Amino acid sequence: MQDLKIAIIQSELYWENIDGNLAMFEEKVWGISEAVDLILLPEMFNTGFTMNPQPLAEVPGLKTQKWMLQMASQTKALVGGSYMVRQGENFYNRFVFAFPDGKMQHYDKRHLFSLAKEENYFNAGQKRLIVEYKGWKICPMVCYDLRFPVWARNQINDGACDYDLLIYAANWPEARIQAWDTLLQARAIENQAYVAGINRVGKDGNDYPYVGHSAIYDYAGTTMQFLGDEEDVIIQSINKEALEQFRERFAFLQDGDQFDIQ
């Protein structure tokens, strides 16, 4: 069973500056010193968490998507992060996976952050995404989704778990960072899955401070990697055999409730 090597890029963001952010992240991607399988970027990585989609959202296939595909092709890694997408008259906070072979898959943020009136600007997603990559099942989510454990619930179907790795890409502010730390660890424990949380640092255009705390937790909730408030890159390998052995020894998920999410 192949290990999966993850790189998380924790960074400040240039407010509403797509070109600036893409150039900055490109430099950071090329600064990764070893081959990795998965590169993860924060929520709205090309603009910061702004409620200004009209001039900034891109239709699929334009600059940011092309950049992600280029990074995936050149690094031979799966590249993921969220940005604002326009489809027709609707806007989405969309997590996009760009595959090295040119394929794209996406998840639209389900839980829109009402404290910032996100629901006034964006449409909510209606279904989860689980991608299969190098023998791993990966489920991406976005920021506020973290507060809603039912949406992330890992169930057993046909004898197999829904996913192995749960991802949260976020712009999670300093004021509620304890919730971020606690809930990431809780999602790992209750779902018996690896969890990767990607947050930003610095201040945004509304002067809200962010202190990072990007992290990777294993299936038992043990901290594998943790960043403070500095710009940096986490690189961590996760092991599928260890995950499956733990699930077999502690078969808690099989005792869980079976339900459909509407």
C-alpha atoms as a PDB file:
ATOM      1  CA  MET A   1       0.000   0.000   0.000  1.00  0.00           C
ATOM      2  CA  GLN A   2       1.512   3.301  -1.077  1.00  0.00           C
ATOM      3  CA  ASP A   3       2.110   6.086   1.419  1.00  0.00           C
ATOM      4  CA  LEU A   4       0.711   9.474   0.480  1.00  0.00           C
ATOM      5  CA  LYS A   5       3.076  12.425   0.928  1.00  0.00           C
ATOM      6  CA  ILE A   6       1.214  15.670   1.638  1.00  0.00           C
ATOM      7  CA  ALA A   7       2.493  19.257   1.395  1.00  0.00           C
ATOM      8  CA  ILE A   8       0.469  22.010   3.098  1.00  0.00           C
ATOM      9  CA  ILE A   9       1.362  25.596   2.212  1.00  0.00           C
ATOM     10  CA  GLN A  10       0.532  28.042   5.014  1.00  0.00           C
ATOM     11  CA  SER A  11       0.896  31.627   3.834  1.00  0.00           C
ATOM     12  CA  GLU A  12      -0.264  35.196   3.994  1.00  0.00           C
ATOM     13  CA  LEU A  13      -2.529  36.230   1.113  1.00  0.00           C
ATOM     14  CA  TYR A  14      -2.624  39.356  -1.028  1.00  0.00           C
ATOM     15  CA  TRP A  15      -6.092  40.846  -0.646  1.00  0.00           C
ATOM     16  CA  GLU A  16      -8.178  40.481  -3.829  1.00  0.00           C
ATOM     17  CA  ASN A  17      -5.014  40.153  -5.915  1.00  0.00           C
ATOM     18  CA  ILE A  18      -5.245  37.042  -8.076  1.00  0.00           C
ATOM     19  CA  ASP A  19      -2.017  37.605 -10.003  1.00  0.00           C
ATOM     20  CA  GLY A  20      -0.075  38.361  -6.838  1.00  0.00           C
ATOM     21  CA  ASN A  21      -1.299  35.256  -5.037  1.00  0.00           C
ATOM     22  CA  LEU A  22      -0.725  32.910  -7.962  1.00  0.00           C
ATOM     23  CA  ALA A  23       2.815  34.206  -8.374  1.00  0.00           C
ATOM     24  CA  MET A  24       3.472  33.885  -4.652  1.00  0.00           C
ATOM     25  CA  PHE A  25       2.106  30.338  -4.417  1.00  0.00           C
ATOM     26  CA  GLU A  26       4.005  29.300  -7.532  1.00  0.00           C
ATOM     27  CA  GLU A  27       7.236  30.346  -5.855  1.00  0.00           C
ATOM     28  CA  LYS A  28       6.272  28.423  -2.715  1.00  0.00           C
ATOM     29  CA  VAL A  29       5.293  25.325  -4.711  1.00  0.00           C
ATOM     30  CA  TRP A  30       8.685  25.323  -6.413  1.00  0.00           C
ATOM     31  CA  GLY A  31      10.294  25.802  -3.013  1.00  0.00           C
ATOM     32  CA  ILE A  32       9.066  22.376  -1.884  1.00  0.00           C
ATOM     33  CA  SER A  33      12.302  20.447  -1.619  1.00  0.00           C
ATOM     34  CA  GLU A  34      11.069  16.916  -2.327  1.00  0.00           C
ATOM     35  CA  ALA A  35       8.572  15.072  -4.478  1.00  0.00           C
ATOM     36  CA  VAL A  36       5.075  15.005  -2.965  1.00  0.00           C
ATOM     37  CA  ASP A  37       1.767  13.449  -3.979  1.00  0.00           C
ATOM     38  CA  LEU A  38      -0.640  16.140  -2.774  1.00  0.00           C
ATOM     39  CA  ILE A  39      -0.242  19.937  -2.490  1.00  0.00           C
ATOM     40  CA  LEU A  40      -2.876  21.784  -0.462  1.00  0.00           C
ATOM     41  CA  LEU A  41      -3.709  25.500  -0.460  1.00  0.00           C
ATOM     42  CA  PRO A  42      -6.081  27.460   1.819  1.00  0.00           C
ATOM     43  CA  GLU A  43      -9.623  28.692   1.210  1.00  0.00           C
ATOM     44  CA  MET A  44      -9.915  31.402  -1.470  1.00  0.00           C
ATOM     45  CA  PHE A  45      -6.163  31.127  -1.912  1.00  0.00           C
ATOM     46  CA  ASN A  46      -6.111  33.507  -4.882  1.00  0.00           C
ATOM     47  CA  THR A  47      -8.017  36.415  -3.253  1.00  0.00           C
ATOM     48  CA  GLY A  48      -8.434  35.962   0.487  1.00  0.00           C
ATOM     49  CA  PHE A  49     -11.865  35.444   2.072  1.00  0.00           C
ATOM     50  CA  THR A  50     -13.725  38.310   0.421  1.00  0.00           C
ATOM     51  CA  MET A  51     -17.438  38.778  -0.211  1.00  0.00           C
ATOM     52  CA  ASN A  52     -16.702  40.446  -3.537  1.00  0.00           C
ATOM     53  CA  PRO A  53     -17.293  37.752  -6.159  1.00  0.00           C
ATOM     54  CA  GLN A  54     -18.691  39.942  -8.929  1.00  0.00           C
ATOM     55  CA  PRO A  55     -15.320  41.212 -10.221  1.00  0.00           C
ATOM     56  CA  LEU A  56     -13.146  38.392  -8.865  1.00  0.00           C
ATOM     57  CA  ALA A  57     -14.909  35.074  -9.513  1.00  0.00           C
ATOM     58  CA  GLU A  58     -13.736  33.177 -12.573  1.00  0.00           C
ATOM     59  CA  VAL A  59     -15.710  30.954 -14.894  1.00  0.00           C
ATOM     60  CA  PRO A  60     -14.230  27.430 -15.094  1.00  0.00           C
ATOM     61  CA  GLY A  61     -11.237  27.140 -17.364  1.00  0.00           C
ATOM     62  CA  LEU A  62      -9.689  30.565 -16.811  1.00  0.00           C
ATOM     63  CA  LYS A  63      -6.547  31.829 -15.072  1.00  0.00           C
ATOM     64  CA  THR A  64      -6.685  30.091 -11.689  1.00  0.00           C
ATOM     65  CA  GLN A  65      -7.811  26.738 -13.050  1.00  0.00           C
ATOM     66  CA  LYS A  66      -5.115  26.851 -15.729  1.00  0.00           C
ATOM     67  CA  TRP A  67      -2.527  27.719 -13.073  1.00  0.00           C
ATOM     68  CA  MET A  68      -3.606  24.784 -10.893  1.00  0.00           C
ATOM     69  CA  LEU A  69      -3.408  22.390 -13.836  1.00  0.00           C
ATOM     70  CA  GLN A  70       0.039  23.727 -14.717  1.00  0.00           C
ATOM     71  CA  MET A  71       1.259  23.222 -11.141  1.00  0.00           C
ATOM     72  CA  ALA A  72      -0.176  19.696 -11.075  1.00  0.00           C
ATOM     73  CA  SER A  73       1.383  18.787 -14.399  1.00  0.00           C
ATOM     74  CA  GLN A  74       4.798  20.181 -13.550  1.00  0.00           C
ATOM     75  CA  THR A  75       4.998  18.754 -10.006  1.00  0.00           C
ATOM     76  CA  LYS A  76       3.239  15.456 -10.832  1.00  0.00           C
ATOM     77  CA  ALA A  77       1.110  16.064  -7.723  1.00  0.00           C
ATOM     78  CA  LEU A  78      -2.590  16.459  -7.033  1.00  0.00           C
ATOM     79  CA  VAL A  79      -3.148  20.173  -6.274  1.00  0.00           C
ATOM     80  CA  GLY A  80      -6.154  21.349  -4.233  1.00  0.00           C
ATOM     81  CA  GLY A  81      -7.557  24.586  -2.841  1.00  0.00           C
ATOM     82  CA  SER A  82     -10.669  26.748  -2.972  1.00  0.00           C
ATOM     83  CA  TYR A  83     -11.427  29.871  -4.988  1.00  0.00           C
ATOM     84  CA  MET A  84     -14.466  31.786  -6.252  1.00  0.00           C
ATOM     85  CA  VAL A  85     -16.140  30.371  -9.349  1.00  0.00           C
ATOM     86  CA  ARG A  86     -18.978  31.777 -11.433  1.00  0.00           C
ATOM     87  CA  GLN A  87     -21.395  29.512 -13.271  1.00  0.00           C
ATOM     88  CA  GLY A  88     -24.147  31.378 -15.081  1.00  0.00           C
ATOM     89  CA  GLU A  89     -25.593  33.835 -12.558  1.00  0.00           C
ATOM     90  CA  ASN A  90     -24.373  31.846  -9.550  1.00  0.00           C
ATOM     91  CA  PHE A  91     -21.180  32.057  -7.503  1.00  0.00           C
ATOM     92  CA  TYR A  92     -19.546  29.232  -5.552  1.00  0.00           C
ATOM     93  CA  ASN A  93     -16.771  28.943  -3.003  1.00  0.00           C
ATOM     94  CA  ARG A  94     -15.335  25.937  -4.806  1.00  0.00           C
ATOM     95  CA  PHE A  95     -12.626  23.530  -3.739  1.00  0.00           C
ATOM     96  CA  VAL A  96     -10.908  22.296  -6.882  1.00  0.00           C
ATOM     97  CA  PHE A  97      -8.625  19.328  -7.357  1.00  0.00           C
ATOM     98  CA  ALA A  98      -6.275  19.541 -10.355  1.00  0.00           C
ATOM     99  CA  PHE A  99      -4.780  16.174 -11.331  1.00  0.00           C
ATOM    100  CA  PRO A 100      -1.401  15.734 -13.052  1.00  0.00           C
ATOM    101  CA  ASP A 101      -3.141  14.161 -16.064  1.00  0.00           C
ATOM    102  CA  GLY A 102      -5.290  17.272 -16.623  1.00  0.00           C
ATOM    103  CA  LYS A 103      -8.458  16.007 -14.948  1.00  0.00           C
ATOM    104  CA  MET A 104     -10.434  18.313 -12.635  1.00  0.00           C
ATOM    105  CA  GLN A 105     -12.887  17.541  -9.828  1.00  0.00           C
ATOM    106  CA  HIS A 106     -14.572  19.968  -7.464  1.00  0.00           C
ATOM    107  CA  TYR A 107     -16.596  20.367  -4.281  1.00  0.00           C
ATOM    108  CA  ASP A 108     -18.748  23.431  -3.578  1.00  0.00           C
ATOM    109  CA  LYS A 109     -18.713  24.640   0.035  1.00  0.00           C
ATOM    110  CA  ARG A 110     -21.874  23.379   1.717  1.00  0.00           C
ATOM    111  CA  HIS A 111     -21.996  25.509   4.867  1.00  0.00           C
ATOM    112  CA  LEU A 112     -21.784  29.192   4.033  1.00  0.00           C
ATOM    113  CA  PHE A 113     -20.470  31.416   6.825  1.00  0.00           C
ATOM    114  CA  SER A 114     -23.524  33.387   7.969  1.00  0.00           C
ATOM    115  CA  LEU A 115     -21.473  35.602  10.305  1.00  0.00           C
ATOM    116  CA  ALA A 116     -19.919  37.130   7.162  1.00  0.00           C
ATOM    117  CA  LYS A 117     -23.217  36.897   5.178  1.00  0.00           C
ATOM    118  CA  GLU A 118     -21.539  34.478   2.771  1.00  0.00           C
ATOM    119  CA  GLU A 119     -24.950  33.094   1.840  1.00  0.00           C
ATOM    120  CA  ASN A 120     -25.863  36.496   0.340  1.00  0.00           C
ATOM    121  CA  TYR A 121     -23.106  36.146  -2.266  1.00  0.00           C
ATOM    122  CA  PHE A 122     -22.589  32.435  -2.876  1.00  0.00           C
ATOM    123  CA  ASN A 123     -24.663  29.341  -3.541  1.00  0.00           C
ATOM    124  CA  ALA A 124     -24.255  26.360  -1.238  1.00  0.00           C
ATOM    125  CA  GLY A 125     -23.021  23.027  -2.508  1.00  0.00           C
ATOM    126  CA  GLN A 126     -25.389  20.070  -2.438  1.00  0.00           C
ATOM    127  CA  LYS A 127     -23.136  17.018  -2.296  1.00  0.00           C
ATOM    128  CA  ARG A 128     -19.824  15.773  -0.948  1.00  0.00           C
ATOM    129  CA  LEU A 129     -16.901  14.848  -3.144  1.00  0.00           C
ATOM    130  CA  ILE A 130     -14.702  11.823  -2.595  1.00  0.00           C
ATOM    131  CA  VAL A 131     -11.846  11.374  -5.045  1.00  0.00           C
ATOM    132  CA  GLU A 132      -9.680   8.301  -5.464  1.00  0.00           C
ATOM    133  CA  TYR A 133      -5.979   8.941  -5.942  1.00  0.00           C
ATOM    134  CA  LYS A 134      -3.065   6.526  -5.670  1.00  0.00           C
ATOM    135  CA  GLY A 135      -5.178   4.062  -3.691  1.00  0.00           C
ATOM    136  CA  TRP A 136      -6.520   6.691  -1.287  1.00  0.00           C
ATOM    137  CA  LYS A 137     -10.055   8.032  -0.909  1.00  0.00           C
ATOM    138  CA  ILE A 138      -9.945  11.768  -0.185  1.00  0.00           C
ATOM    139  CA  CYS A 139     -12.813  14.024   0.942  1.00  0.00           C
ATOM    140  CA  PRO A 140     -12.275  17.818   0.685  1.00  0.00           C
ATOM    141  CA  MET A 141     -14.279  20.378   2.662  1.00  0.00           C
ATOM    142  CA  VAL A 142     -14.062  24.128   3.226  1.00  0.00           C
ATOM    143  CA  CYS A 143     -13.669  26.109   6.468  1.00  0.00           C
ATOM    144  CA  TYR A 144     -17.111  26.493   8.136  1.00  0.00           C
ATOM    145  CA  ASP A 145     -17.952  22.904   7.125  1.00  0.00           C
ATOM    146  CA  LEU A 146     -15.708  21.931  10.047  1.00  0.00           C
ATOM    147  CA  ARG A 147     -18.410  22.888  12.557  1.00  0.00           C
ATOM    148  CA  PHE A 148     -20.900  20.377  11.115  1.00  0.00           C
ATOM    149  CA  PRO A 149     -19.773  16.811  11.894  1.00  0.00           C
ATOM    150  CA  VAL A 150     -22.753  15.092  10.263  1.00  0.00           C
ATOM    151  CA  TRP A 151     -21.680  16.417   6.845  1.00  0.00           C
ATOM    152  CA  ALA A 152     -18.244  14.859   7.303  1.00  0.00           C
ATOM    153  CA  ARG A 153     -19.413  11.577   8.838  1.00  0.00           C
ATOM    154  CA  ASN A 154     -17.386   8.606   7.631  1.00  0.00           C
ATOM    155  CA  GLN A 155     -19.681   5.624   7.134  1.00  0.00           C
ATOM    156  CA  ILE A 156     -19.103   2.040   6.062  1.00  0.00           C
ATOM    157  CA  ASN A 157     -20.683   1.093   2.759  1.00  0.00           C
ATOM    158  CA  ASP A 158     -20.197  -2.329   1.155  1.00  0.00           C
ATOM    159  CA  GLY A 159     -17.597  -3.129   3.791  1.00  0.00           C
ATOM    160  CA  ALA A 160     -15.420  -0.070   3.138  1.00  0.00           C
ATOM    161  CA  CYS A 161     -15.133   3.381   4.687  1.00  0.00           C
ATOM    162  CA  ASP A 162     -16.223   6.382   2.638  1.00  0.00           C
ATOM    163  CA  TYR A 163     -12.786   8.014   2.827  1.00  0.00           C
ATOM    164  CA  ASP A 164      -9.275   7.787   4.295  1.00  0.00           C
ATOM    165  CA  LEU A 165      -8.224  11.452   4.314  1.00  0.00           C
ATOM    166  CA  LEU A 166     -10.436  14.417   5.228  1.00  0.00           C
ATOM    167  CA  ILE A 167      -9.282  17.892   4.162  1.00  0.00           C
ATOM    168  CA  TYR A 168     -10.371  21.320   5.416  1.00  0.00           C
ATOM    169  CA  ALA A 169      -9.145  24.374   3.491  1.00  0.00           C
ATOM    170  CA  ALA A 170      -9.836  27.508   5.526  1.00  0.00           C
ATOM    171  CA  ASN A 171      -9.510  31.163   6.333  1.00  0.00           C
ATOM    172  CA  TRP A 172     -10.129  30.586  10.066  1.00  0.00           C
ATOM    173  CA  PRO A 173      -9.537  33.720  12.200  1.00  0.00           C
ATOM    174  CA  GLU A 174      -7.485  34.013  15.353  1.00  0.00           C
ATOM    175  CA  ALA A 175     -10.550  34.816  17.479  1.00  0.00           C
ATOM    176  CA  ARG A 176     -11.866  31.247  17.123  1.00  0.00           C
ATOM    177  CA  ILE A 177      -8.633  29.325  16.646  1.00  0.00           C
ATOM    178  CA  GLN A 178      -9.261  27.070  19.646  1.00  0.00           C
ATOM    179  CA  ALA A 179     -12.352  25.722  17.878  1.00  0.00           C
ATOM    180  CA  TRP A 180     -10.247  25.048  14.750  1.00  0.00           C
ATOM    181  CA  ASP A 181      -7.653  23.068  16.707  1.00  0.00           C
ATOM    182  CA  THR A 182     -10.221  21.105  18.696  1.00  0.00           C
ATOM    183  CA  LEU A 183     -12.597  20.285  15.854  1.00  0.00           C
ATOM    184  CA  LEU A 184      -9.885  19.134  13.438  1.00  0.00           C
ATOM    185  CA  GLN A 185      -8.700  16.648  16.026  1.00  0.00           C
ATOM    186  CA  ALA A 186     -12.279  15.582  16.779  1.00  0.00           C
ATOM    187  CA  ARG A 187     -13.013  14.935  13.091  1.00  0.00           C
ATOM    188  CA  ALA A 188      -9.978  12.630  12.944  1.00  0.00           C
ATOM    189  CA  ILE A 189     -11.000  10.684  16.042  1.00  0.00           C
ATOM    190  CA  GLU A 190     -14.684  10.247  15.247  1.00  0.00           C
ATOM    191  CA  ASN A 191     -14.102   9.334  11.587  1.00  0.00           C
ATOM    192  CA  GLN A 192     -10.977   7.206  12.096  1.00  0.00           C
ATOM    193  CA  ALA A 193      -9.327   9.033   9.228  1.00  0.00           C
ATOM    194  CA  TYR A 194      -6.332  11.248   8.642  1.00  0.00           C
ATOM    195  CA  VAL A 195      -7.283  14.942   8.738  1.00  0.00           C
ATOM    196  CA  ALA A 196      -5.384  17.801   7.105  1.00  0.00           C
ATOM    197  CA  GLY A 197      -6.299  21.409   7.955  1.00  0.00           C
ATOM    198  CA  ILE A 198      -4.910  24.249   5.830  1.00  0.00           C
ATOM    199  CA  ASN A 199      -5.228  27.792   7.194  1.00  0.00           C
ATOM    200  CA  ARG A 200      -3.687  31.156   6.347  1.00  0.00           C
ATOM    201  CA  VAL A 201      -1.724  33.698   8.396  1.00  0.00           C
ATOM    202  CA  GLY A 202      -1.537  37.508   8.475  1.00  0.00           C
ATOM    203  CA  LYS A 203      -4.346  40.076   8.240  1.00  0.00           C
ATOM    204  CA  ASP A 204      -6.966  40.256   5.524  1.00  0.00           C
ATOM    205  CA  GLY A 205      -8.504  43.321   3.859  1.00  0.00           C
ATOM    206  CA  ASN A 206     -11.021  43.638   6.697  1.00  0.00           C
ATOM    207  CA  ASP A 207      -8.168  43.713   9.236  1.00  0.00           C
ATOM    208  CA  TYR A 208      -9.029  40.296  10.688  1.00  0.00           C
ATOM    209  CA  PRO A 209      -5.915  38.461  11.954  1.00  0.00           C
ATOM    210  CA  TYR A 210      -5.166  34.817  11.160  1.00  0.00           C
ATOM    211  CA  VAL A 211      -2.659  32.685  13.039  1.00  0.00           C
ATOM    212  CA  GLY A 212      -2.435  29.556  10.906  1.00  0.00           C
ATOM    213  CA  HIS A 213      -2.369  26.378  13.006  1.00  0.00           C
ATOM    214  CA  SER A 214      -2.375  24.261   9.862  1.00  0.00           C
ATOM    215  CA  ALA A 215      -2.018  20.662  10.963  1.00  0.00           C
ATOM    216  CA  ILE A 216      -2.196  16.978  10.112  1.00  0.00           C
ATOM    217  CA  TYR A 217      -3.760  14.495  12.537  1.00  0.00           C
ATOM    218  CA  ASP A 218      -3.767  10.736  12.261  1.00  0.00           C
ATOM    219  CA  TYR A 219      -6.769   8.395  12.559  1.00  0.00           C
ATOM    220  CA  ALA A 220      -6.472   8.352  16.394  1.00  0.00           C
ATOM    221  CA  GLY A 221      -6.305  12.133  16.680  1.00  0.00           C
ATOM    222  CA  THR A 222      -2.555  12.212  17.286  1.00  0.00           C
ATOM    223  CA  THR A 223      -0.829  15.348  16.005  1.00  0.00           C
ATOM    224  CA  MET A 224       1.552  14.456  13.197  1.00  0.00           C
ATOM    225  CA  GLN A 225       2.437  18.015  12.135  1.00  0.00           C
ATOM    226  CA  PHE A 226       1.438  21.423  13.488  1.00  0.00           C
ATOM    227  CA  LEU A 227       2.358  24.956  12.421  1.00  0.00           C
ATOM    228  CA  GLY A 228       2.065  28.083  14.518  1.00  0.00           C
ATOM    229  CA  ASP A 229       1.575  31.542  12.997  1.00  0.00           C
ATOM    230  CA  GLU A 230       4.537  31.470  10.598  1.00  0.00           C
ATOM    231  CA  GLU A 231       4.558  31.110   6.833  1.00  0.00           C
ATOM    232  CA  ASP A 232       5.849  27.627   6.195  1.00  0.00           C
ATOM    233  CA  VAL A 233       5.244  24.291   4.485  1.00  0.00           C
ATOM    234  CA  ILE A 234       4.268  21.046   6.195  1.00  0.00           C
ATOM    235  CA  ILE A 235       5.421  17.854   4.496  1.00  0.00           C
ATOM    236  CA  GLN A 236       4.080  14.621   5.941  1.00  0.00           C
ATOM    237  CA  SER A 237       3.679  11.055   4.714  1.00  0.00           C
ATOM    238  CA  ILE A 238       0.583   9.141   5.782  1.00  0.00           C
ATOM    239  CA  ASN A 239       0.402   5.355   5.794  1.00  0.00           C
ATOM    240  CA  LYS A 240      -2.595   3.361   4.557  1.00  0.00           C
ATOM    241  CA  GLU A 241      -1.591   0.056   6.153  1.00  0.00           C
ATOM    242  CA  ALA A 242      -1.409   1.636   9.618  1.00  0.00           C
ATOM    243  CA  LEU A 243      -4.814   3.217   9.068  1.00  0.00           C
ATOM    244  CA  GLU A 244      -6.440  -0.063   8.065  1.00  0.00           C
ATOM    245  CA  GLN A 245      -4.843  -1.965  10.940  1.00  0.00           C
ATOM    246  CA  PHE A 246      -6.178   0.623  13.401  1.00  0.00           C
ATOM    247  CA  ARG A 247      -9.671   0.447  11.918  1.00  0.00           C
ATOM    248  CA  GLU A 248      -9.606  -3.344  12.109  1.00  0.00           C
ATOM    249  CA  ARG A 249      -8.452  -3.346  15.725  1.00  0.00           C
ATOM    250  CA  PHE A 250     -10.850  -0.612  16.829  1.00  0.00           C
ATOM    251  CA  ALA A 251     -13.894  -1.222  14.619  1.00  0.00           C
ATOM    252  CA  PHE A 252     -15.897   1.700  15.987  1.00  0.00           C
ATOM    253  CA  LEU A 253     -17.250   2.908  12.657  1.00  0.00           C
ATOM    254  CA  GLN A 254     -19.199  -0.297  12.121  1.00  0.00           C
ATOM    255  CA  ASP A 255     -21.265   0.558  15.225  1.00  0.00           C
ATOM    256  CA  GLY A 256     -22.212   3.970  13.868  1.00  0.00           C
ATOM    257  CA  ASP A 257     -25.644   5.065  12.697  1.00  0.00           C
ATOM    258  CA  GLN A 258     -26.466   4.618   9.038  1.00  0.00           C
ATOM    259  CA  PHE A 259     -28.231   7.592   7.501  1.00  0.00           C
ATOM    260  CA  ASP A 260     -28.507   9.604   4.307  1.00  0.00           C
ATOM    261  CA  ILE A 261     -27.584  13.304   4.256  1.00  0.00           C
ATOM    262  CA  GLN A 262     -30.127  15.472   2.451  1.00  0.00           C
END
